[in-house]
Amino acid sequence: MAWGLAGLVLAAAVWLGSALAHLPPLDLAAAQARSTVVLDRSGTLLRPFATADGRWRLPLEPAATDPRFLALLTAYEDRRFREHAGVDPRALLRAAGQWLAAGRIVSGASTLSMQVARLVEPRGERSLTAKLRQIARAVELERRLGKDGVLRLYLALAPYGGPVEGLRAASLAYFGREPARLTLAEAALLVALPQAPEARRPDRFPEAARRARDRVLA
């Protein structure tokens, strides 16, 4: 097991270096599209408009987000977000060991950067090759955008059910308030929702939403 795990990690490192050298740069144009918004003179949102492809994706800076949401997000999804370079080596080693033991992918060890990579470059297959490509893209995103840039993309692109994308659109759609004014329970639900956005929608499946929220709070 130990030799197999070491070999897998070495092969992944070699592949990552090669992929970063040969993959074409990510095209971020579509990911950077935002809804047009109308504001009053004090900056208060009066009306948003959907993007050209029908999505509600409102602009949002991390500084305009309730700090408790950001703390919950990193604690639940990627507790070493500020420490790694797009990939969490410890989580990756754990996932690799589980893959070797079970013969299949058990846990993906996805960092927030890897989740953003999947949102920017969606790929349907769930395979080792797809995961390695996602890792390479996560490292690329961190190099190009830095931590705050990656976080800004997550806050804009995370799926929240139907055409609602991003924290601000979800906060307004489900709770009628800006992300800076979320309660702790609301913030916890919006952390949990992107993992299963259709199955946990509070307007359709309130019990599933409550259970997911409680797991984050716990």
N, C-alpha and C. Protein backbone atom coordinates (compact mmCIF):
# COMPACT_ATOMS: atom_id res chain seq x y z
N MET A 1 0.83 -1.21 0.00
CA MET A 1 0.00 0.00 0.00
C MET A 1 0.86 1.26 0.00
N ALA A 2 1.91 1.26 0.90
CA ALA A 2 2.74 2.46 1.01
C ALA A 2 3.46 2.75 -0.30
N TRP A 3 4.05 1.67 -0.90
CA TRP A 3 4.75 1.88 -2.18
C TRP A 3 3.78 2.29 -3.28
N GLY A 4 2.59 1.69 -3.27
CA GLY A 4 1.60 2.06 -4.27
C GLY A 4 1.17 3.50 -4.13
N LEU A 5 0.98 3.96 -2.89
CA LEU A 5 0.57 5.33 -2.64
C LEU A 5 1.69 6.30 -3.04
N ALA A 6 2.93 5.96 -2.68
CA ALA A 6 4.06 6.83 -3.05
C ALA A 6 4.19 6.92 -4.57
N GLY A 7 4.02 5.79 -5.24
CA GLY A 7 4.09 5.81 -6.69
C GLY A 7 3.00 6.64 -7.32
N LEU A 8 1.80 6.54 -6.76
CA LEU A 8 0.68 7.32 -7.27
C LEU A 8 0.93 8.81 -7.10
N VAL A 9 1.43 9.19 -5.92
CA VAL A 9 1.70 10.61 -5.67
C VAL A 9 2.79 11.12 -6.61
N LEU A 10 3.85 10.31 -6.82
CA LEU A 10 4.92 10.72 -7.73
C LEU A 10 4.40 10.88 -9.15
N ALA A 11 3.59 9.91 -9.60
CA ALA A 11 3.04 9.99 -10.94
C ALA A 11 2.15 11.23 -11.09
N ALA A 12 1.36 11.51 -10.06
CA ALA A 12 0.49 12.68 -10.11
C ALA A 12 1.30 13.97 -10.17
N ALA A 13 2.41 14.02 -9.42
CA ALA A 13 3.25 15.22 -9.44
C ALA A 13 3.88 15.43 -10.81
N VAL A 14 4.35 14.34 -11.42
CA VAL A 14 4.94 14.44 -12.75
C VAL A 14 3.89 14.88 -13.76
N TRP A 15 2.69 14.29 -13.66
CA TRP A 15 1.61 14.66 -14.58
C TRP A 15 1.22 16.11 -14.41
N LEU A 16 1.17 16.57 -13.15
CA LEU A 16 0.77 17.95 -12.89
C LEU A 16 1.75 18.92 -13.53
N GLY A 17 3.05 18.65 -13.38
CA GLY A 17 4.03 19.53 -14.00
C GLY A 17 3.89 19.55 -15.51
N SER A 18 3.66 18.39 -16.10
CA SER A 18 3.49 18.32 -17.55
C SER A 18 2.21 19.03 -17.99
N ALA A 19 1.13 18.83 -17.22
CA ALA A 19 -0.16 19.43 -17.58
C ALA A 19 -0.09 20.95 -17.54
N LEU A 20 0.56 21.48 -16.51
CA LEU A 20 0.66 22.94 -16.40
C LEU A 20 1.45 23.52 -17.56
N ALA A 21 2.36 22.73 -18.10
CA ALA A 21 3.17 23.21 -19.21
C ALA A 21 2.45 23.11 -20.55
N HIS A 22 1.50 22.17 -20.67
CA HIS A 22 0.92 21.88 -21.98
C HIS A 22 -0.57 22.22 -22.11
N LEU A 23 -1.30 22.33 -20.98
CA LEU A 23 -2.71 22.69 -21.10
C LEU A 23 -2.85 24.13 -21.60
N PRO A 24 -3.77 24.39 -22.50
CA PRO A 24 -4.01 25.79 -22.89
C PRO A 24 -4.56 26.57 -21.71
N PRO A 25 -4.33 27.87 -21.62
CA PRO A 25 -4.83 28.65 -20.50
C PRO A 25 -6.36 28.59 -20.41
N LEU A 26 -6.85 28.59 -19.19
CA LEU A 26 -8.29 28.62 -18.99
C LEU A 26 -8.88 29.90 -19.58
N ASP A 27 -10.00 29.77 -20.25
CA ASP A 27 -10.73 30.93 -20.75
C ASP A 27 -11.74 31.34 -19.68
N LEU A 28 -11.52 32.49 -19.05
CA LEU A 28 -12.35 32.92 -17.95
C LEU A 28 -13.44 33.90 -18.37
N ALA A 29 -13.59 34.14 -19.66
CA ALA A 29 -14.53 35.16 -20.12
C ALA A 29 -15.96 34.84 -19.66
N ALA A 30 -16.41 33.61 -19.88
CA ALA A 30 -17.78 33.25 -19.50
C ALA A 30 -17.95 33.29 -17.99
N ALA A 31 -16.93 32.86 -17.25
CA ALA A 31 -17.02 32.83 -15.79
C ALA A 31 -17.07 34.23 -15.20
N GLN A 32 -16.55 35.20 -15.92
CA GLN A 32 -16.52 36.56 -15.40
C GLN A 32 -17.75 37.38 -15.78
N ALA A 33 -18.68 36.79 -16.53
CA ALA A 33 -19.92 37.49 -16.87
C ALA A 33 -20.79 37.66 -15.62
N ARG A 34 -21.36 38.83 -15.44
CA ARG A 34 -22.21 39.10 -14.28
C ARG A 34 -23.52 39.73 -14.73
N SER A 35 -24.53 39.60 -13.89
CA SER A 35 -25.80 40.27 -14.16
C SER A 35 -25.60 41.78 -14.12
N THR A 36 -26.32 42.46 -14.98
CA THR A 36 -26.36 43.92 -14.89
C THR A 36 -27.26 44.31 -13.73
N VAL A 37 -26.83 45.27 -12.94
CA VAL A 37 -27.62 45.71 -11.79
C VAL A 37 -27.86 47.21 -11.87
N VAL A 38 -29.03 47.63 -11.39
CA VAL A 38 -29.37 49.05 -11.29
C VAL A 38 -29.32 49.43 -9.81
N LEU A 39 -28.55 50.48 -9.49
CA LEU A 39 -28.38 50.91 -8.11
C LEU A 39 -28.90 52.33 -7.93
N ASP A 40 -29.29 52.66 -6.71
CA ASP A 40 -29.63 54.06 -6.45
C ASP A 40 -28.36 54.82 -6.12
N ARG A 41 -28.49 56.10 -5.82
CA ARG A 41 -27.31 56.94 -5.64
C ARG A 41 -26.48 56.53 -4.42
N SER A 42 -27.08 55.81 -3.47
CA SER A 42 -26.34 55.35 -2.30
C SER A 42 -25.74 53.96 -2.50
N GLY A 43 -25.97 53.37 -3.68
CA GLY A 43 -25.42 52.05 -3.95
C GLY A 43 -26.33 50.89 -3.62
N THR A 44 -27.56 51.19 -3.20
CA THR A 44 -28.53 50.14 -2.88
C THR A 44 -29.06 49.51 -4.17
N LEU A 45 -29.16 48.20 -4.18
CA LEU A 45 -29.66 47.48 -5.36
C LEU A 45 -31.14 47.79 -5.58
N LEU A 46 -31.45 48.25 -6.79
CA LEU A 46 -32.84 48.50 -7.16
C LEU A 46 -33.40 47.36 -8.00
N ARG A 47 -32.61 46.91 -8.97
CA ARG A 47 -33.08 45.84 -9.85
C ARG A 47 -31.91 45.13 -10.51
N PRO A 48 -31.90 43.80 -10.47
CA PRO A 48 -30.91 43.03 -11.23
C PRO A 48 -31.51 42.51 -12.52
N PHE A 49 -30.67 42.20 -13.48
CA PHE A 49 -31.10 41.58 -14.73
C PHE A 49 -30.31 40.28 -14.91
N ALA A 50 -30.95 39.29 -15.51
CA ALA A 50 -30.28 38.03 -15.78
C ALA A 50 -29.19 38.23 -16.82
N THR A 51 -28.20 37.34 -16.83
CA THR A 51 -27.17 37.37 -17.85
C THR A 51 -27.77 36.93 -19.18
N ALA A 52 -26.98 37.02 -20.22
CA ALA A 52 -27.47 36.69 -21.56
C ALA A 52 -27.95 35.24 -21.65
N ASP A 53 -27.37 34.34 -20.85
CA ASP A 53 -27.81 32.94 -20.89
C ASP A 53 -28.82 32.61 -19.79
N GLY A 54 -29.44 33.65 -19.21
CA GLY A 54 -30.55 33.44 -18.29
C GLY A 54 -30.18 33.14 -16.86
N ARG A 55 -28.95 33.44 -16.45
CA ARG A 55 -28.53 33.16 -15.07
C ARG A 55 -28.56 34.43 -14.24
N TRP A 56 -28.86 34.24 -12.95
CA TRP A 56 -28.79 35.34 -12.00
C TRP A 56 -27.46 35.21 -11.27
N ARG A 57 -26.54 36.09 -11.63
CA ARG A 57 -25.16 36.00 -11.12
C ARG A 57 -24.72 37.43 -10.81
N LEU A 58 -24.94 37.85 -9.58
CA LEU A 58 -24.71 39.24 -9.20
C LEU A 58 -23.28 39.47 -8.74
N PRO A 59 -22.74 40.64 -9.03
CA PRO A 59 -21.37 40.93 -8.58
C PRO A 59 -21.31 40.98 -7.06
N LEU A 60 -20.18 40.46 -6.51
CA LEU A 60 -20.01 40.44 -5.06
C LEU A 60 -18.53 40.36 -4.73
N GLU A 61 -18.09 41.23 -3.85
CA GLU A 61 -16.73 41.19 -3.35
C GLU A 61 -16.71 40.45 -2.01
N PRO A 62 -15.64 39.70 -1.72
CA PRO A 62 -15.56 39.02 -0.43
C PRO A 62 -15.76 39.95 0.76
N ALA A 63 -15.29 41.19 0.64
CA ALA A 63 -15.41 42.14 1.75
C ALA A 63 -16.86 42.52 2.03
N ALA A 64 -17.77 42.30 1.06
CA ALA A 64 -19.19 42.61 1.24
C ALA A 64 -19.98 41.40 1.71
N THR A 65 -19.29 40.38 2.19
CA THR A 65 -19.90 39.14 2.63
C THR A 65 -19.79 39.03 4.14
N ASP A 66 -20.80 38.48 4.79
CA ASP A 66 -20.74 38.25 6.23
C ASP A 66 -19.51 37.40 6.54
N PRO A 67 -18.60 37.87 7.40
CA PRO A 67 -17.40 37.09 7.72
C PRO A 67 -17.72 35.70 8.26
N ARG A 68 -18.88 35.55 8.89
CA ARG A 68 -19.24 34.22 9.40
C ARG A 68 -19.49 33.24 8.27
N PHE A 69 -20.02 33.72 7.14
CA PHE A 69 -20.19 32.84 6.00
C PHE A 69 -18.84 32.35 5.50
N LEU A 70 -17.89 33.25 5.36
CA LEU A 70 -16.56 32.87 4.87
C LEU A 70 -15.88 31.91 5.84
N ALA A 71 -16.06 32.13 7.14
CA ALA A 71 -15.46 31.23 8.12
C ALA A 71 -16.09 29.84 8.05
N LEU A 72 -17.41 29.79 7.92
CA LEU A 72 -18.10 28.51 7.78
C LEU A 72 -17.68 27.81 6.49
N LEU A 73 -17.58 28.57 5.41
CA LEU A 73 -17.24 27.99 4.11
C LEU A 73 -15.88 27.31 4.15
N THR A 74 -14.88 27.99 4.66
CA THR A 74 -13.55 27.40 4.69
C THR A 74 -13.46 26.27 5.70
N ALA A 75 -14.13 26.40 6.84
CA ALA A 75 -14.10 25.33 7.84
C ALA A 75 -14.75 24.06 7.31
N TYR A 76 -15.81 24.21 6.54
CA TYR A 76 -16.57 23.05 6.06
C TYR A 76 -16.01 22.48 4.76
N GLU A 77 -15.53 23.34 3.88
CA GLU A 77 -15.12 22.91 2.54
C GLU A 77 -13.61 22.79 2.36
N ASP A 78 -12.85 23.66 3.03
CA ASP A 78 -11.41 23.70 2.71
C ASP A 78 -10.69 24.45 3.83
N ARG A 79 -10.47 23.75 4.94
CA ARG A 79 -9.96 24.45 6.12
C ARG A 79 -8.53 24.97 5.95
N ARG A 80 -7.79 24.43 5.00
CA ARG A 80 -6.43 24.92 4.74
C ARG A 80 -6.37 25.77 3.47
N PHE A 81 -7.47 26.42 3.14
CA PHE A 81 -7.56 27.20 1.91
C PHE A 81 -6.44 28.23 1.80
N ARG A 82 -6.14 28.92 2.87
CA ARG A 82 -5.12 29.97 2.84
C ARG A 82 -3.70 29.43 2.89
N GLU A 83 -3.54 28.13 3.03
CA GLU A 83 -2.21 27.55 3.20
C GLU A 83 -1.71 26.83 1.94
N HIS A 84 -2.61 26.25 1.16
CA HIS A 84 -2.16 25.45 0.02
C HIS A 84 -2.10 26.29 -1.26
N ALA A 85 -1.61 25.66 -2.32
CA ALA A 85 -1.44 26.36 -3.61
C ALA A 85 -2.48 25.93 -4.63
N GLY A 86 -3.65 25.52 -4.14
CA GLY A 86 -4.72 25.06 -5.02
C GLY A 86 -5.11 23.63 -4.75
N VAL A 87 -4.17 22.86 -4.18
CA VAL A 87 -4.38 21.46 -3.85
C VAL A 87 -3.92 21.25 -2.41
N ASP A 88 -4.71 20.53 -1.63
CA ASP A 88 -4.37 20.22 -0.24
C ASP A 88 -3.65 18.87 -0.22
N PRO A 89 -2.32 18.85 -0.03
CA PRO A 89 -1.58 17.58 -0.10
C PRO A 89 -2.09 16.53 0.88
N ARG A 90 -2.43 16.94 2.10
CA ARG A 90 -2.89 15.97 3.08
C ARG A 90 -4.21 15.33 2.67
N ALA A 91 -5.13 16.16 2.20
CA ALA A 91 -6.41 15.62 1.74
C ALA A 91 -6.22 14.75 0.51
N LEU A 92 -5.29 15.14 -0.34
CA LEU A 92 -5.03 14.36 -1.56
C LEU A 92 -4.45 12.99 -1.23
N LEU A 93 -3.53 12.94 -0.25
CA LEU A 93 -2.96 11.66 0.16
C LEU A 93 -4.04 10.76 0.76
N ARG A 94 -4.93 11.34 1.56
CA ARG A 94 -6.02 10.56 2.13
C ARG A 94 -6.91 9.99 1.03
N ALA A 95 -7.26 10.82 0.06
CA ALA A 95 -8.12 10.36 -1.03
C ALA A 95 -7.43 9.30 -1.88
N ALA A 96 -6.12 9.47 -2.10
CA ALA A 96 -5.38 8.49 -2.89
C ALA A 96 -5.34 7.14 -2.18
N GLY A 97 -5.14 7.16 -0.86
CA GLY A 97 -5.15 5.92 -0.10
C GLY A 97 -6.49 5.23 -0.16
N GLN A 98 -7.56 6.00 -0.06
CA GLN A 98 -8.91 5.42 -0.15
C GLN A 98 -9.15 4.85 -1.54
N TRP A 99 -8.65 5.53 -2.56
CA TRP A 99 -8.82 5.04 -3.94
C TRP A 99 -8.10 3.72 -4.14
N LEU A 100 -6.87 3.62 -3.61
CA LEU A 100 -6.12 2.37 -3.74
C LEU A 100 -6.80 1.24 -2.98
N ALA A 101 -7.33 1.54 -1.81
CA ALA A 101 -7.95 0.50 -1.00
C ALA A 101 -9.27 0.02 -1.59
N ALA A 102 -10.05 0.95 -2.12
CA ALA A 102 -11.39 0.61 -2.61
C ALA A 102 -11.44 0.32 -4.10
N GLY A 103 -10.40 0.73 -4.83
CA GLY A 103 -10.41 0.54 -6.27
C GLY A 103 -11.30 1.51 -7.00
N ARG A 104 -11.71 2.57 -6.34
CA ARG A 104 -12.56 3.59 -6.95
C ARG A 104 -12.38 4.88 -6.17
N ILE A 105 -12.85 6.00 -6.73
CA ILE A 105 -12.76 7.27 -6.04
C ILE A 105 -13.79 7.31 -4.93
N VAL A 106 -13.32 7.42 -3.67
CA VAL A 106 -14.22 7.47 -2.51
C VAL A 106 -14.47 8.92 -2.11
N SER A 107 -13.40 9.68 -2.00
CA SER A 107 -13.53 11.11 -1.71
C SER A 107 -12.60 11.87 -2.65
N GLY A 108 -13.03 13.06 -3.04
CA GLY A 108 -12.29 13.79 -4.07
C GLY A 108 -11.23 14.72 -3.57
N ALA A 109 -11.20 15.00 -2.26
CA ALA A 109 -10.22 15.93 -1.68
C ALA A 109 -10.29 17.30 -2.34
N SER A 110 -11.49 17.70 -2.76
CA SER A 110 -11.62 18.95 -3.52
C SER A 110 -11.43 20.16 -2.62
N THR A 111 -10.52 21.02 -3.00
CA THR A 111 -10.37 22.32 -2.37
C THR A 111 -11.37 23.29 -3.01
N LEU A 112 -11.50 24.46 -2.42
CA LEU A 112 -12.33 25.49 -3.05
C LEU A 112 -11.80 25.83 -4.44
N SER A 113 -10.48 25.85 -4.58
CA SER A 113 -9.88 26.16 -5.89
C SER A 113 -10.24 25.09 -6.91
N MET A 114 -10.26 23.82 -6.50
CA MET A 114 -10.64 22.75 -7.40
C MET A 114 -12.12 22.83 -7.76
N GLN A 115 -12.95 23.23 -6.81
CA GLN A 115 -14.36 23.40 -7.11
C GLN A 115 -14.58 24.52 -8.11
N VAL A 116 -13.84 25.60 -7.96
CA VAL A 116 -13.93 26.70 -8.93
C VAL A 116 -13.47 26.23 -10.30
N ALA A 117 -12.40 25.44 -10.34
CA ALA A 117 -11.92 24.91 -11.61
C ALA A 117 -13.00 24.09 -12.30
N ARG A 118 -13.74 23.30 -11.52
CA ARG A 118 -14.82 22.49 -12.09
C ARG A 118 -15.97 23.36 -12.60
N LEU A 119 -16.23 24.46 -11.91
CA LEU A 119 -17.30 25.37 -12.34
C LEU A 119 -16.90 26.14 -13.61
N VAL A 120 -15.62 26.50 -13.69
CA VAL A 120 -15.15 27.26 -14.85
C VAL A 120 -15.03 26.36 -16.07
N GLU A 121 -14.61 25.12 -15.86
CA GLU A 121 -14.39 24.18 -16.96
C GLU A 121 -15.16 22.88 -16.64
N PRO A 122 -16.46 22.86 -16.81
CA PRO A 122 -17.26 21.67 -16.45
C PRO A 122 -16.87 20.47 -17.31
N ARG A 123 -16.76 19.31 -16.65
CA ARG A 123 -16.47 18.06 -17.35
C ARG A 123 -17.33 16.98 -16.71
N GLY A 124 -18.05 16.23 -17.55
CA GLY A 124 -19.04 15.29 -17.05
C GLY A 124 -18.47 14.05 -16.40
N GLU A 125 -17.29 13.60 -16.84
CA GLU A 125 -16.79 12.32 -16.35
C GLU A 125 -16.24 12.44 -14.94
N ARG A 126 -16.35 11.35 -14.19
CA ARG A 126 -15.77 11.26 -12.85
C ARG A 126 -14.69 10.20 -12.91
N SER A 127 -13.46 10.61 -13.17
CA SER A 127 -12.37 9.68 -13.36
C SER A 127 -11.10 10.28 -12.80
N LEU A 128 -10.06 9.45 -12.71
CA LEU A 128 -8.78 9.94 -12.21
C LEU A 128 -8.20 10.99 -13.15
N THR A 129 -8.35 10.80 -14.46
CA THR A 129 -7.84 11.78 -15.42
C THR A 129 -8.55 13.13 -15.24
N ALA A 130 -9.87 13.08 -15.06
CA ALA A 130 -10.62 14.32 -14.86
C ALA A 130 -10.20 15.01 -13.57
N LYS A 131 -9.96 14.23 -12.52
CA LYS A 131 -9.53 14.81 -11.25
C LYS A 131 -8.15 15.45 -11.38
N LEU A 132 -7.25 14.80 -12.09
CA LEU A 132 -5.91 15.36 -12.28
C LEU A 132 -5.97 16.65 -13.09
N ARG A 133 -6.84 16.69 -14.08
CA ARG A 133 -6.99 17.93 -14.86
C ARG A 133 -7.54 19.04 -13.97
N GLN A 134 -8.49 18.69 -13.11
CA GLN A 134 -9.06 19.66 -12.19
C GLN A 134 -7.98 20.21 -11.25
N ILE A 135 -7.10 19.34 -10.79
CA ILE A 135 -6.00 19.77 -9.93
C ILE A 135 -5.10 20.76 -10.67
N ALA A 136 -4.75 20.43 -11.92
CA ALA A 136 -3.91 21.32 -12.70
C ALA A 136 -4.57 22.68 -12.89
N ARG A 137 -5.87 22.67 -13.15
CA ARG A 137 -6.58 23.94 -13.33
C ARG A 137 -6.65 24.73 -12.02
N ALA A 138 -6.79 24.04 -10.90
CA ALA A 138 -6.83 24.73 -9.61
C ALA A 138 -5.51 25.45 -9.34
N VAL A 139 -4.41 24.78 -9.62
CA VAL A 139 -3.09 25.41 -9.44
C VAL A 139 -2.95 26.60 -10.38
N GLU A 140 -3.42 26.44 -11.61
CA GLU A 140 -3.37 27.55 -12.57
C GLU A 140 -4.18 28.75 -12.07
N LEU A 141 -5.38 28.49 -11.56
CA LEU A 141 -6.23 29.58 -11.06
C LEU A 141 -5.56 30.31 -9.91
N GLU A 142 -4.95 29.57 -9.00
CA GLU A 142 -4.28 30.22 -7.86
C GLU A 142 -3.12 31.08 -8.35
N ARG A 143 -2.38 30.59 -9.33
CA ARG A 143 -1.25 31.37 -9.84
C ARG A 143 -1.71 32.64 -10.53
N ARG A 144 -2.81 32.54 -11.28
CA ARG A 144 -3.29 33.68 -12.04
C ARG A 144 -4.05 34.70 -11.19
N LEU A 145 -4.87 34.20 -10.25
CA LEU A 145 -5.82 35.07 -9.56
C LEU A 145 -5.51 35.30 -8.09
N GLY A 146 -4.72 34.41 -7.48
CA GLY A 146 -4.49 34.51 -6.05
C GLY A 146 -5.71 34.02 -5.27
N LYS A 147 -5.57 33.98 -3.95
CA LYS A 147 -6.63 33.45 -3.10
C LYS A 147 -7.92 34.27 -3.21
N ASP A 148 -7.80 35.59 -3.15
CA ASP A 148 -9.01 36.41 -3.19
C ASP A 148 -9.70 36.32 -4.54
N GLY A 149 -8.92 36.18 -5.62
CA GLY A 149 -9.53 36.02 -6.93
C GLY A 149 -10.29 34.71 -7.06
N VAL A 150 -9.72 33.63 -6.52
CA VAL A 150 -10.40 32.34 -6.53
C VAL A 150 -11.67 32.41 -5.69
N LEU A 151 -11.57 33.02 -4.52
CA LEU A 151 -12.75 33.15 -3.66
C LEU A 151 -13.83 34.00 -4.33
N ARG A 152 -13.42 35.05 -5.02
CA ARG A 152 -14.38 35.91 -5.72
C ARG A 152 -15.13 35.11 -6.79
N LEU A 153 -14.43 34.23 -7.50
CA LEU A 153 -15.09 33.39 -8.49
C LEU A 153 -16.04 32.39 -7.84
N TYR A 154 -15.64 31.81 -6.72
CA TYR A 154 -16.55 30.88 -6.03
C TYR A 154 -17.82 31.60 -5.60
N LEU A 155 -17.68 32.78 -5.03
CA LEU A 155 -18.85 33.53 -4.57
C LEU A 155 -19.77 33.89 -5.72
N ALA A 156 -19.25 33.98 -6.93
CA ALA A 156 -20.06 34.34 -8.10
C ALA A 156 -20.66 33.13 -8.80
N LEU A 157 -19.97 31.98 -8.76
CA LEU A 157 -20.34 30.86 -9.62
C LEU A 157 -21.01 29.69 -8.89
N ALA A 158 -20.89 29.60 -7.59
CA ALA A 158 -21.45 28.45 -6.87
C ALA A 158 -22.93 28.27 -7.21
N PRO A 159 -23.37 27.05 -7.51
CA PRO A 159 -24.76 26.82 -7.91
C PRO A 159 -25.70 26.76 -6.70
N TYR A 160 -26.85 27.40 -6.83
CA TYR A 160 -27.80 27.44 -5.72
C TYR A 160 -29.20 27.00 -6.13
N GLY A 161 -29.29 26.31 -7.24
CA GLY A 161 -30.59 25.81 -7.67
C GLY A 161 -31.17 26.62 -8.80
N GLY A 162 -31.63 25.94 -9.86
CA GLY A 162 -32.19 26.64 -11.01
C GLY A 162 -31.19 27.59 -11.62
N PRO A 163 -31.61 28.78 -12.01
CA PRO A 163 -30.69 29.73 -12.64
C PRO A 163 -29.96 30.62 -11.63
N VAL A 164 -30.10 30.32 -10.35
CA VAL A 164 -29.48 31.15 -9.31
C VAL A 164 -28.04 30.70 -9.09
N GLU A 165 -27.10 31.60 -9.31
CA GLU A 165 -25.68 31.30 -9.15
C GLU A 165 -25.04 32.37 -8.27
N GLY A 166 -24.18 31.93 -7.40
CA GLY A 166 -23.44 32.87 -6.58
C GLY A 166 -24.17 33.23 -5.30
N LEU A 167 -23.38 33.61 -4.31
CA LEU A 167 -23.91 33.86 -2.98
C LEU A 167 -24.90 35.02 -2.95
N ARG A 168 -24.61 36.11 -3.64
CA ARG A 168 -25.48 37.27 -3.54
C ARG A 168 -26.85 37.00 -4.12
N ALA A 169 -26.89 36.37 -5.29
CA ALA A 169 -28.19 36.05 -5.89
C ALA A 169 -28.97 35.10 -4.99
N ALA A 170 -28.28 34.13 -4.39
CA ALA A 170 -28.96 33.17 -3.52
C ALA A 170 -29.46 33.84 -2.25
N SER A 171 -28.65 34.70 -1.67
CA SER A 171 -29.05 35.40 -0.44
C SER A 171 -30.30 36.25 -0.67
N LEU A 172 -30.34 36.94 -1.79
CA LEU A 172 -31.50 37.77 -2.12
C LEU A 172 -32.70 36.91 -2.49
N ALA A 173 -32.48 35.84 -3.24
CA ALA A 173 -33.60 35.00 -3.70
C ALA A 173 -34.25 34.26 -2.55
N TYR A 174 -33.46 33.69 -1.65
CA TYR A 174 -34.00 32.84 -0.59
C TYR A 174 -34.34 33.59 0.69
N PHE A 175 -33.61 34.69 0.97
CA PHE A 175 -33.80 35.36 2.25
C PHE A 175 -34.11 36.85 2.13
N GLY A 176 -34.05 37.41 0.91
CA GLY A 176 -34.41 38.80 0.71
C GLY A 176 -33.46 39.79 1.35
N ARG A 177 -32.19 39.38 1.53
CA ARG A 177 -31.23 40.31 2.12
C ARG A 177 -29.86 40.11 1.50
N GLU A 178 -29.03 41.13 1.63
CA GLU A 178 -27.68 41.08 1.09
C GLU A 178 -26.81 40.12 1.92
N PRO A 179 -25.74 39.58 1.32
CA PRO A 179 -24.90 38.62 2.03
C PRO A 179 -24.24 39.15 3.29
N ALA A 180 -24.10 40.46 3.41
CA ALA A 180 -23.50 41.03 4.61
C ALA A 180 -24.44 40.97 5.81
N ARG A 181 -25.72 40.64 5.58
CA ARG A 181 -26.72 40.69 6.65
C ARG A 181 -27.32 39.32 6.95
N LEU A 182 -26.65 38.26 6.56
CA LEU A 182 -27.15 36.91 6.81
C LEU A 182 -27.10 36.57 8.29
N THR A 183 -28.07 35.80 8.76
CA THR A 183 -27.96 35.20 10.09
C THR A 183 -27.00 34.02 10.01
N LEU A 184 -26.59 33.51 11.16
CA LEU A 184 -25.68 32.38 11.17
C LEU A 184 -26.33 31.15 10.52
N ALA A 185 -27.60 30.91 10.80
CA ALA A 185 -28.30 29.76 10.21
C ALA A 185 -28.42 29.90 8.70
N GLU A 186 -28.71 31.12 8.23
CA GLU A 186 -28.80 31.34 6.79
C GLU A 186 -27.45 31.15 6.12
N ALA A 187 -26.39 31.64 6.75
CA ALA A 187 -25.05 31.47 6.19
C ALA A 187 -24.71 29.99 6.10
N ALA A 188 -25.05 29.21 7.12
CA ALA A 188 -24.76 27.77 7.12
C ALA A 188 -25.50 27.07 5.98
N LEU A 189 -26.74 27.43 5.76
CA LEU A 189 -27.49 26.81 4.67
C LEU A 189 -26.86 27.14 3.32
N LEU A 190 -26.41 28.37 3.14
CA LEU A 190 -25.83 28.76 1.86
C LEU A 190 -24.43 28.18 1.66
N VAL A 191 -23.79 27.72 2.72
CA VAL A 191 -22.56 26.95 2.58
C VAL A 191 -22.89 25.55 2.07
N ALA A 192 -23.95 24.95 2.61
CA ALA A 192 -24.30 23.56 2.29
C ALA A 192 -24.97 23.40 0.94
N LEU A 193 -25.69 24.39 0.49
CA LEU A 193 -26.56 24.26 -0.68
C LEU A 193 -25.82 23.91 -1.98
N PRO A 194 -24.63 24.49 -2.28
CA PRO A 194 -24.00 24.18 -3.57
C PRO A 194 -23.61 22.72 -3.77
N GLN A 195 -23.48 21.93 -2.69
CA GLN A 195 -23.11 20.53 -2.85
C GLN A 195 -24.24 19.71 -3.48
N ALA A 196 -25.47 20.14 -3.29
CA ALA A 196 -26.64 19.48 -3.89
C ALA A 196 -27.72 20.53 -4.09
N PRO A 197 -27.51 21.45 -5.03
CA PRO A 197 -28.36 22.64 -5.11
C PRO A 197 -29.82 22.35 -5.40
N GLU A 198 -30.12 21.33 -6.17
CA GLU A 198 -31.52 21.05 -6.47
C GLU A 198 -32.18 20.25 -5.34
N ALA A 199 -31.44 19.33 -4.75
CA ALA A 199 -32.01 18.45 -3.71
C ALA A 199 -32.16 19.16 -2.37
N ARG A 200 -31.47 20.28 -2.17
CA ARG A 200 -31.50 20.97 -0.88
C ARG A 200 -32.16 22.33 -0.95
N ARG A 201 -32.81 22.65 -2.05
CA ARG A 201 -33.43 23.97 -2.18
C ARG A 201 -34.43 24.19 -1.06
N PRO A 202 -34.29 25.26 -0.27
CA PRO A 202 -35.21 25.47 0.86
C PRO A 202 -36.64 25.76 0.43
N ASP A 203 -36.83 26.24 -0.80
CA ASP A 203 -38.20 26.53 -1.25
C ASP A 203 -38.92 25.27 -1.71
N ARG A 204 -38.19 24.18 -1.96
CA ARG A 204 -38.81 22.94 -2.43
C ARG A 204 -38.63 21.78 -1.45
N PHE A 205 -37.48 21.73 -0.80
CA PHE A 205 -37.17 20.61 0.09
C PHE A 205 -36.67 21.15 1.43
N PRO A 206 -37.56 21.76 2.20
CA PRO A 206 -37.13 22.42 3.45
C PRO A 206 -36.49 21.47 4.46
N GLU A 207 -36.94 20.22 4.53
CA GLU A 207 -36.37 19.30 5.50
C GLU A 207 -34.94 18.93 5.12
N ALA A 208 -34.70 18.67 3.84
CA ALA A 208 -33.34 18.37 3.38
C ALA A 208 -32.44 19.59 3.58
N ALA A 209 -32.97 20.76 3.34
CA ALA A 209 -32.19 21.99 3.56
C ALA A 209 -31.84 22.15 5.03
N ARG A 210 -32.79 21.85 5.91
CA ARG A 210 -32.54 21.98 7.34
C ARG A 210 -31.45 21.01 7.79
N ARG A 211 -31.51 19.77 7.32
CA ARG A 211 -30.50 18.78 7.72
C ARG A 211 -29.11 19.20 7.23
N ALA A 212 -29.03 19.70 6.01
CA ALA A 212 -27.74 20.14 5.47
C ALA A 212 -27.21 21.34 6.26
N ARG A 213 -28.09 22.26 6.58
CA ARG A 213 -27.69 23.43 7.38
C ARG A 213 -27.16 23.00 8.75
N ASP A 214 -27.84 22.05 9.38
CA ASP A 214 -27.44 21.61 10.71
C ASP A 214 -26.08 20.90 10.70
N ARG A 215 -25.77 20.19 9.60
CA ARG A 215 -24.45 19.55 9.50
C ARG A 215 -23.35 20.59 9.46
N VAL A 216 -23.59 21.69 8.75
CA VAL A 216 -22.58 22.76 8.71
C VAL A 216 -22.44 23.40 10.08
N LEU A 217 -23.54 23.67 10.74
CA LEU A 217 -23.48 24.29 12.06
C LEU A 217 -22.78 23.38 13.08
N ALA A 218 -22.98 22.08 12.93
CA ALA A 218 -22.35 21.13 13.86
C ALA A 218 -20.83 21.11 13.71
